[in-house]
Protein backbone atom coordinates (compact mmCIF):
# COMPACT_ATOMS: atom_id res chain seq x y z
CA MET A 1 122.13 132.15 152.68
CA GLY A 2 124.13 135.23 151.76
CA SER A 3 125.44 136.20 148.33
CA GLY A 4 126.54 133.27 146.20
CA PHE A 5 125.32 129.98 144.82
CA ARG A 6 125.11 126.31 145.70
CA LEU A 7 127.90 124.34 144.02
CA ALA A 8 127.20 120.75 145.06
CA ARG A 9 125.97 118.41 147.77
CA ILE A 10 128.65 116.05 149.07
CA ALA A 11 127.97 113.37 151.71
CA GLY A 12 124.76 115.19 152.68
CA ILE A 13 126.55 118.53 153.10
CA ASP A 14 125.64 121.51 150.90
CA VAL A 15 128.64 123.32 149.42
CA PHE A 16 128.05 127.02 148.71
CA VAL A 17 130.36 129.43 146.89
CA ASP A 18 130.27 133.09 147.92
CA TRP A 19 130.74 135.61 145.11
CA SER A 20 133.74 137.03 146.97
CA LEU A 21 135.60 133.83 146.04
CA LEU A 22 135.82 135.14 142.46
CA ILE A 23 138.15 137.91 143.69
CA ILE A 24 140.84 135.58 145.02
CA PHE A 25 140.24 133.12 142.16
CA PHE A 26 141.00 135.90 139.68
CA LEU A 27 144.04 137.10 141.66
CA ILE A 28 145.55 133.60 141.83
CA THR A 29 144.94 132.93 138.14
CA PHE A 30 146.30 136.34 137.11
CA SER A 31 149.41 136.23 139.31
CA LEU A 32 150.32 132.73 138.10
CA GLY A 33 149.39 133.20 134.44
CA ALA A 34 150.94 136.64 134.01
CA GLY A 35 153.85 136.43 136.45
CA VAL A 36 154.94 133.22 138.15
CA PHE A 37 154.64 130.61 135.39
CA PRO A 38 156.10 132.82 132.59
CA ALA A 39 159.06 133.58 134.91
CA TRP A 40 159.58 129.86 135.57
CA HIS A 41 159.07 128.90 131.92
CA PRO A 42 160.03 131.70 129.50
CA ASP A 43 159.54 129.26 126.61
CA TRP A 44 155.86 128.63 127.41
CA GLY A 45 153.22 130.20 125.23
CA ALA A 46 150.46 132.34 126.72
CA GLY A 47 147.86 129.58 126.32
CA LEU A 48 149.91 127.02 128.26
CA ALA A 49 150.77 129.50 131.03
CA TRP A 50 147.19 130.68 131.50
CA GLY A 51 145.74 127.16 131.20
CA THR A 52 148.10 125.86 133.89
CA ALA A 53 147.29 128.89 136.06
CA LEU A 54 143.54 128.25 135.73
CA ALA A 55 144.03 124.57 136.65
CA ALA A 56 146.13 125.62 139.67
CA ALA A 57 143.39 127.98 140.92
CA VAL A 58 140.69 125.30 140.51
CA LEU A 59 142.78 122.63 142.28
CA PHE A 60 143.70 125.04 145.07
CA PHE A 61 140.05 125.63 145.91
CA ALA A 62 139.39 121.90 145.59
CA SER A 63 142.09 121.54 148.27
CA VAL A 64 140.33 124.14 150.43
CA LEU A 65 137.07 122.20 149.97
CA ALA A 66 138.83 118.98 151.05
CA HIS A 67 140.11 120.85 154.13
CA GLU A 68 136.59 121.96 155.06
CA MET A 69 135.01 118.59 154.25
CA SER A 70 137.43 116.92 156.67
CA HIS A 71 136.21 119.31 159.40
CA ALA A 72 132.58 118.60 158.56
CA LEU A 73 132.85 114.80 158.38
CA VAL A 74 134.90 114.43 161.58
CA GLY A 75 132.62 116.92 163.34
CA ARG A 76 129.53 115.00 162.25
CA ALA A 77 131.07 111.77 163.53
CA ARG A 78 131.59 113.53 166.89
CA GLY A 79 128.00 114.75 167.22
CA ILE A 80 128.41 118.25 165.73
CA VAL A 81 125.74 119.16 163.17
CA VAL A 82 127.28 120.51 159.94
CA ARG A 83 124.90 120.84 156.99
CA ARG A 84 126.70 123.53 155.00
CA ILE A 85 130.16 124.58 153.85
CA THR A 86 130.84 128.00 152.34
CA LEU A 87 133.89 128.83 150.21
CA PHE A 88 134.67 132.55 150.22
CA VAL A 89 137.49 135.05 149.71
CA PHE A 90 139.49 133.95 152.80
CA GLY A 91 139.13 130.21 152.19
CA GLY A 92 136.23 128.26 153.62
CA MET A 93 133.99 127.64 156.61
CA ALA A 94 132.16 124.57 157.88
CA HIS A 95 129.04 125.97 159.56
CA MET A 96 128.47 124.30 162.95
CA GLU A 97 124.87 124.39 164.19
CA ASN A 98 125.85 123.39 167.71
CA GLU A 99 128.96 123.64 169.83
CA PRO A 100 131.05 120.49 170.49
CA ARG A 101 129.81 118.37 173.39
CA GLY A 102 133.30 117.90 174.78
CA TRP A 103 136.86 119.09 174.32
CA ARG A 104 137.93 115.92 172.48
CA ALA A 105 135.30 116.47 169.78
CA GLU A 106 136.51 120.07 169.39
CA PHE A 107 140.15 118.96 169.24
CA TRP A 108 139.73 116.32 166.54
CA MET A 109 137.39 118.39 164.40
CA ALA A 110 139.82 121.35 164.52
CA ILE A 111 143.09 119.48 163.98
CA VAL A 112 141.94 117.37 161.03
CA GLY A 113 141.71 120.38 158.69
CA PRO A 114 145.36 121.49 158.91
CA LEU A 115 146.47 117.84 158.85
CA THR A 116 144.50 117.37 155.62
CA SER A 117 146.18 120.41 154.04
CA LEU A 118 149.64 119.25 155.16
CA ALA A 119 148.97 115.74 153.82
CA LEU A 120 147.75 117.13 150.48
CA GLY A 121 150.85 119.32 150.27
CA ALA A 122 153.17 116.37 150.88
CA ILE A 123 151.30 114.24 148.32
CA PHE A 124 151.52 116.96 145.66
CA VAL A 125 155.27 117.39 146.24
CA LEU A 126 155.87 113.62 146.04
CA LEU A 127 153.82 113.37 142.84
CA ALA A 128 155.79 116.27 141.36
CA GLN A 129 159.03 114.44 142.07
CA LEU A 130 157.58 111.26 140.57
CA PHE A 131 156.54 112.97 137.32
CA ALA A 132 159.53 115.30 137.03
CA GLY A 133 162.22 112.69 137.64
CA VAL A 134 165.70 113.85 138.61
CA VAL A 135 165.96 117.64 138.60
CA GLU A 136 169.27 119.46 139.11
CA LEU A 137 168.58 122.13 141.73
CA ASP A 138 170.88 125.12 141.92
CA PRO A 139 170.21 127.06 145.16
CA GLU A 140 171.56 130.20 143.50
CA ASP A 141 169.15 129.90 140.57
CA PRO A 142 166.00 127.88 141.50
CA GLN A 143 164.13 129.15 138.42
CA ARG A 144 166.58 127.24 136.23
CA ALA A 145 165.48 124.01 137.93
CA MET A 146 161.81 124.85 137.38
CA ALA A 147 162.48 125.41 133.69
CA GLN A 148 163.44 121.73 133.40
CA VAL A 149 159.99 120.38 134.35
CA GLY A 150 156.75 120.21 132.38
CA PRO A 151 153.29 121.67 133.08
CA LEU A 152 152.04 118.90 135.40
CA PRO A 153 155.08 118.88 137.74
CA THR A 154 155.01 122.70 137.71
CA LEU A 155 151.37 122.65 138.77
CA LEU A 156 152.09 120.13 141.53
CA LEU A 157 155.18 122.00 142.75
CA TRP A 158 153.02 125.11 143.23
CA LEU A 159 150.10 123.26 144.86
CA GLY A 160 152.31 121.35 147.31
CA PRO A 161 153.95 124.28 149.13
CA ILE A 162 150.77 126.39 149.04
CA ASN A 163 148.82 123.62 150.81
CA ILE A 164 151.60 123.21 153.36
CA LEU A 165 151.51 126.97 154.02
CA LEU A 166 147.72 126.81 154.34
CA GLY A 167 148.01 124.01 156.91
CA LEU A 168 150.70 125.82 158.91
CA PHE A 169 148.79 129.14 158.83
CA ASN A 170 145.66 127.44 160.18
CA LEU A 171 147.69 125.94 163.04
CA VAL A 172 148.43 129.41 164.44
CA PRO A 173 146.89 129.30 167.96
CA GLY A 174 144.44 132.16 167.43
CA PHE A 175 140.66 131.73 167.47
CA PRO A 176 138.77 131.19 165.15
CA LEU A 177 141.61 129.64 163.12
CA ASP A 178 141.89 125.87 163.46
CA GLY A 179 144.91 126.29 165.73
CA GLY A 180 142.83 128.55 167.96
CA ARG A 181 140.15 125.88 168.19
CA VAL A 182 142.81 123.32 169.08
CA LEU A 183 144.03 125.72 171.79
CA ARG A 184 140.45 126.17 173.05
CA ALA A 185 140.01 122.39 173.20
CA VAL A 186 143.20 121.99 175.25
CA LEU A 187 142.24 124.85 177.59
CA TRP A 188 138.71 123.47 177.88
CA GLY A 189 140.05 120.03 178.78
CA THR A 190 142.49 121.56 181.27
CA THR A 191 140.16 124.03 183.02
CA GLY A 192 136.80 122.36 182.43
CA ASN A 193 135.39 125.81 181.59
CA PHE A 194 134.24 126.20 177.98
CA ARG A 195 133.51 129.94 178.24
CA ARG A 196 136.88 130.81 179.78
CA ALA A 197 138.70 128.64 177.22
CA THR A 198 136.86 130.47 174.42
CA LEU A 199 137.78 133.87 175.91
CA TRP A 200 141.49 133.03 176.12
CA ALA A 201 141.56 131.52 172.63
CA SER A 202 139.67 134.54 171.28
CA ARG A 203 142.21 136.91 172.83
CA GLY A 204 144.97 134.87 171.22
CA GLY A 205 143.21 135.30 167.89
CA GLN A 206 142.93 139.05 168.41
CA GLY A 207 146.63 139.28 169.30
CA PHE A 208 147.62 137.43 166.12
CA ALA A 209 145.24 139.60 164.08
CA TRP A 210 146.83 142.80 165.39
CA LEU A 211 150.27 141.44 164.51
CA LEU A 212 149.06 140.94 160.93
CA ILE A 213 147.60 144.46 160.86
CA ALA A 214 150.86 145.96 162.16
CA ALA A 215 152.90 143.94 159.65
CA GLY A 216 150.57 145.06 156.87
CA PHE A 217 151.02 148.75 157.73
CA ALA A 218 154.79 148.24 157.95
CA MET A 219 154.75 146.80 154.41
CA ILE A 220 152.64 149.74 153.21
CA LEU A 221 155.29 152.11 154.60
CA GLY A 222 157.98 150.30 152.62
CA LEU A 223 159.49 148.17 155.38
CA ARG A 224 160.42 144.56 154.67
CA VAL A 225 158.61 142.08 156.93
CA PRO A 226 160.07 138.56 157.35
CA VAL A 227 158.12 135.93 155.37
CA PHE A 228 155.71 138.51 153.88
CA GLY A 229 158.25 140.87 152.26
CA SER A 230 157.16 144.43 151.44
CA GLY A 231 154.85 146.30 149.09
CA PHE A 232 151.73 148.44 149.19
CA VAL A 233 149.26 145.88 147.75
CA GLY A 234 150.58 143.00 149.88
CA GLY A 235 150.43 145.20 152.96
CA ILE A 236 146.82 146.17 152.27
CA TRP A 237 145.84 142.52 151.93
CA LEU A 238 147.69 141.50 155.10
CA ALA A 239 146.09 144.30 157.13
CA PHE A 240 142.68 143.41 155.71
CA ILE A 241 143.12 139.74 156.68
CA GLY A 242 144.15 140.85 160.17
CA TRP A 243 141.06 143.07 160.45
CA PHE A 244 138.86 140.17 159.33
CA LEU A 245 140.41 137.76 161.85
CA ASN A 246 140.07 140.28 164.69
CA ASN A 247 136.35 140.72 164.00
CA ALA A 248 135.90 136.96 163.64
CA ALA A 249 137.61 136.34 167.00
CA LEU A 250 135.38 138.89 168.74
CA MET A 251 132.18 137.60 167.14
CA SER A 252 133.03 133.96 167.84
CA TYR A 253 133.34 134.68 171.56
CA ARG A 254 130.13 136.72 171.60
CA GLN A 255 128.29 133.89 169.83
CA VAL A 256 129.30 131.58 172.67
CA LEU A 257 127.94 134.10 175.18
CA VAL A 258 124.66 134.30 173.24
CA ARG A 259 124.31 130.51 173.14
CA GLU A 260 124.97 130.32 176.87
CA ALA A 261 122.45 133.08 177.60
CA LEU A 262 119.75 131.32 175.56
CA ALA A 263 120.66 127.74 176.47
CA ASP A 264 117.85 127.16 179.01
CA VAL A 265 115.34 129.62 177.58
CA PRO A 266 112.38 128.01 175.76
CA VAL A 267 110.99 129.47 172.56
CA GLU A 268 107.59 130.04 174.18
CA ARG A 269 109.16 132.58 176.53
CA LEU A 270 110.33 134.76 173.64
CA MET A 271 107.75 134.16 170.90
CA LYS A 272 105.11 136.71 169.94
CA THR A 273 101.64 135.28 170.48
CA ASP A 274 99.40 138.25 169.67
CA VAL A 275 100.19 138.17 165.97
CA ILE A 276 97.80 139.38 163.31
CA ARG A 277 96.53 136.47 161.23
CA VAL A 278 95.13 136.90 157.74
CA GLU A 279 93.05 134.87 155.29
CA PRO A 280 94.62 133.66 152.04
CA ASP A 281 92.11 135.29 149.68
CA ILE A 282 92.45 138.93 150.73
CA SER A 283 94.34 141.21 148.33
CA LEU A 284 97.83 142.52 148.94
CA SER A 285 96.36 146.03 149.02
CA ARG A 286 94.18 145.09 152.01
CA LEU A 287 97.08 143.35 153.72
CA VAL A 288 99.23 146.46 153.38
CA ASP A 289 96.58 149.09 154.20
CA GLU A 290 94.78 147.29 157.04
CA HIS A 291 97.62 145.40 158.72
CA LEU A 292 101.17 146.11 157.53
CA LEU A 293 100.97 149.89 157.88
CA ARG A 294 99.13 149.76 161.22
CA SER A 295 101.49 147.50 163.16
CA ASP A 296 105.16 146.66 163.57
CA GLN A 297 104.50 143.17 162.21
CA ARG A 298 106.31 142.24 159.00
CA ALA A 299 105.26 138.60 158.66
CA PHE A 300 101.64 137.40 158.76
CA PRO A 301 100.49 133.84 159.42
CA VAL A 302 97.88 132.78 156.86
CA ILE A 303 94.90 130.86 158.29
CA GLU A 304 92.34 128.96 156.23
CA GLY A 305 89.52 127.02 157.87
CA GLY A 306 91.25 127.34 161.23
CA ARG A 307 94.47 125.80 159.88
CA PHE A 308 97.85 127.44 159.46
CA VAL A 309 98.61 127.21 155.74
CA GLY A 310 101.50 129.61 155.16
CA LEU A 311 103.34 132.82 155.93
CA ALA A 312 103.22 136.11 154.01
CA CYS A 313 106.14 138.49 154.56
CA LEU A 314 107.02 142.02 153.55
CA GLN A 315 109.64 140.79 151.09
CA ASP A 316 106.99 138.60 149.42
CA ILE A 317 104.84 141.68 148.83
CA ARG A 318 107.77 143.66 147.45
CA LYS A 319 108.28 141.07 144.73
CA ARG A 320 105.00 142.14 143.11
CA PRO A 321 104.65 145.50 141.30
CA ARG A 322 102.46 148.03 143.13
CA GLU A 323 99.94 148.10 140.29
CA GLU A 324 99.25 144.36 140.77
CA TRP A 325 98.43 144.50 144.49
CA ASP A 326 94.65 144.92 143.97
CA ARG A 327 94.36 141.73 141.92
CA THR A 328 96.99 139.66 143.73
CA THR A 329 95.97 137.65 146.81
CA VAL A 330 97.96 136.63 149.84
CA ARG A 331 97.73 133.02 148.62
CA ASP A 332 99.65 134.02 145.48
CA VAL A 333 102.71 135.28 147.38
CA MET A 334 102.77 133.38 150.68
CA THR A 335 105.28 130.65 151.52
CA PRO A 336 103.28 127.41 152.04
CA VAL A 337 103.60 125.69 155.39
CA ALA A 338 105.31 122.70 153.75
CA GLU A 339 108.22 124.97 152.77
CA LEU A 340 108.62 126.55 156.22
CA THR A 341 110.84 125.39 159.07
CA PRO A 342 108.80 125.58 162.28
CA VAL A 343 110.07 125.43 165.85
CA ALA A 344 108.36 124.01 168.92
CA PRO A 345 107.37 126.03 172.03
CA ASP A 346 109.62 123.94 174.30
CA GLN A 347 112.63 124.10 171.98
CA GLU A 348 115.72 125.96 173.23
CA ALA A 349 115.91 129.52 171.93
CA ALA A 350 119.62 129.02 171.19
CA GLU A 351 118.78 126.25 168.74
CA ALA A 352 116.03 128.35 167.18
CA LEU A 353 118.45 131.28 166.74
CA ALA A 354 120.85 128.95 164.93
CA THR A 355 117.99 127.96 162.61
CA LEU A 356 117.17 131.62 161.92
CA SER A 357 120.81 132.24 161.01
CA ARG A 358 121.11 129.12 158.86
CA LEU A 359 117.97 129.96 156.86
CA ASP A 360 118.77 133.70 156.81
CA VAL A 361 115.20 134.63 157.82
CA ASN A 362 113.82 137.00 160.45
CA GLN A 363 111.03 134.86 161.90
CA LEU A 364 109.93 131.26 162.32
CA PRO A 365 106.43 129.89 162.98
CA VAL A 366 105.98 128.20 166.35
CA LEU A 367 103.86 125.06 166.02
CA ALA A 368 102.59 122.50 168.51
CA GLY A 369 100.66 119.53 167.15
CA GLY A 370 100.28 121.35 163.83
CA GLU A 371 98.60 124.32 165.54
CA LEU A 372 100.13 127.80 165.30
CA ARG A 373 101.14 129.16 168.71
CA GLY A 374 102.94 132.30 167.56
CA LEU A 375 106.00 133.65 165.75
CA LEU A 376 109.59 133.66 166.98
CA ARG A 377 111.20 136.82 165.59
CA ARG A 378 114.88 137.69 165.54
CA GLU A 379 114.10 141.13 166.98
CA ASP A 380 112.39 139.56 170.01
CA ILE A 381 115.46 137.43 170.72
CA LEU A 382 117.75 140.46 170.47
CA ARG A 383 115.45 142.46 172.76
CA TRP A 384 115.54 139.67 175.36
CA LEU A 385 119.36 139.50 175.13
CA SER A 386 119.66 143.25 175.59
CA VAL A 387 117.65 143.02 178.84
CA TYR A 388 118.75 139.69 180.34
CA GLY A 389 121.98 138.79 178.59
CA GLY A 390 124.38 141.19 180.31
CA ASP A 391 126.65 143.89 178.89
CA GLU A 392 128.92 141.57 176.84
CA VAL A 393 125.98 139.80 175.18
CA ALA A 394 124.07 143.04 174.62
CA GLY A 395 127.01 144.25 172.53
CA THR A 396 126.12 141.65 169.88
CA SER A 397 122.64 142.99 169.19
């Protein structure tokens, strides 16, 4: 699943937090607690400033979660499978296990996220006005107006604009941002060609990414960029975000090519059938010496009484100290069949590849009527793509 932890399960969707989120969480809390809020409220004590900053960071990521949940729920209503959301350093991602069935599903799933952020921003601003009452705003000295309001309106007045900016940023028509997905949906509906629409939207995303990179380097060199300002640290971050978006745009298009290449290919065409099978009561030493070191196989189906009962993998062996291998059996380390996610021989390889990615594993057992037919390995899929997928698809492997 990557580095991180599971935070919650909401409406049947698992919410994961990547450890990289702690970086931006710390930066937001620090910048608000040490800089923004003390500047707005010189009379605040350190405890009040840092407490409000911590609440702002928590509520900001709750807003990001609401943004992603809106994608997931609308997508699910439109036939798109979303079982997991990940919050990470650049915001969040609703993981789609299949592409939209039509351009309308893509459009509504994409547009609802920015609309949610814009709506949250407007609500926060209205609530701030409700709690703050009448505030005398001097355009020449806006900090004087902020000094008139308490902690709650201050918190809301920061959350409102930041959510509006988040919504507007995501509406930029560059894939894989939400605006890029909206653009792809419109192009898909206009041309009727999903692949071409993805290519054009991806190029739009790359163009926007390179603009961010160029702006970031300009800031590093001391130039003032409209909206973003200037500064070495800000420029580094902007260039880094641009680099991330450029890679994401490229990979998103290549993923579409991979899905298309595998769309009509059954698992049985790619699976490995001549796999070494082992019994559950042999020692790990025998498994390593007799099988692991003498083949390129890294996962071994475990058979007992003619039945498939589990899978023993290299990483399972590594969890046990070398000195315990003689007295540890395969049964002790294998993953039981009840905990595995099998695929069927007639299942599409594209769907199986999505399962491999979702589970973050390198192989899946192939079962038919409870009987083991073979193993589908990630390396076999990549080998097939390198031969039959064409130059663009081969570049993903």
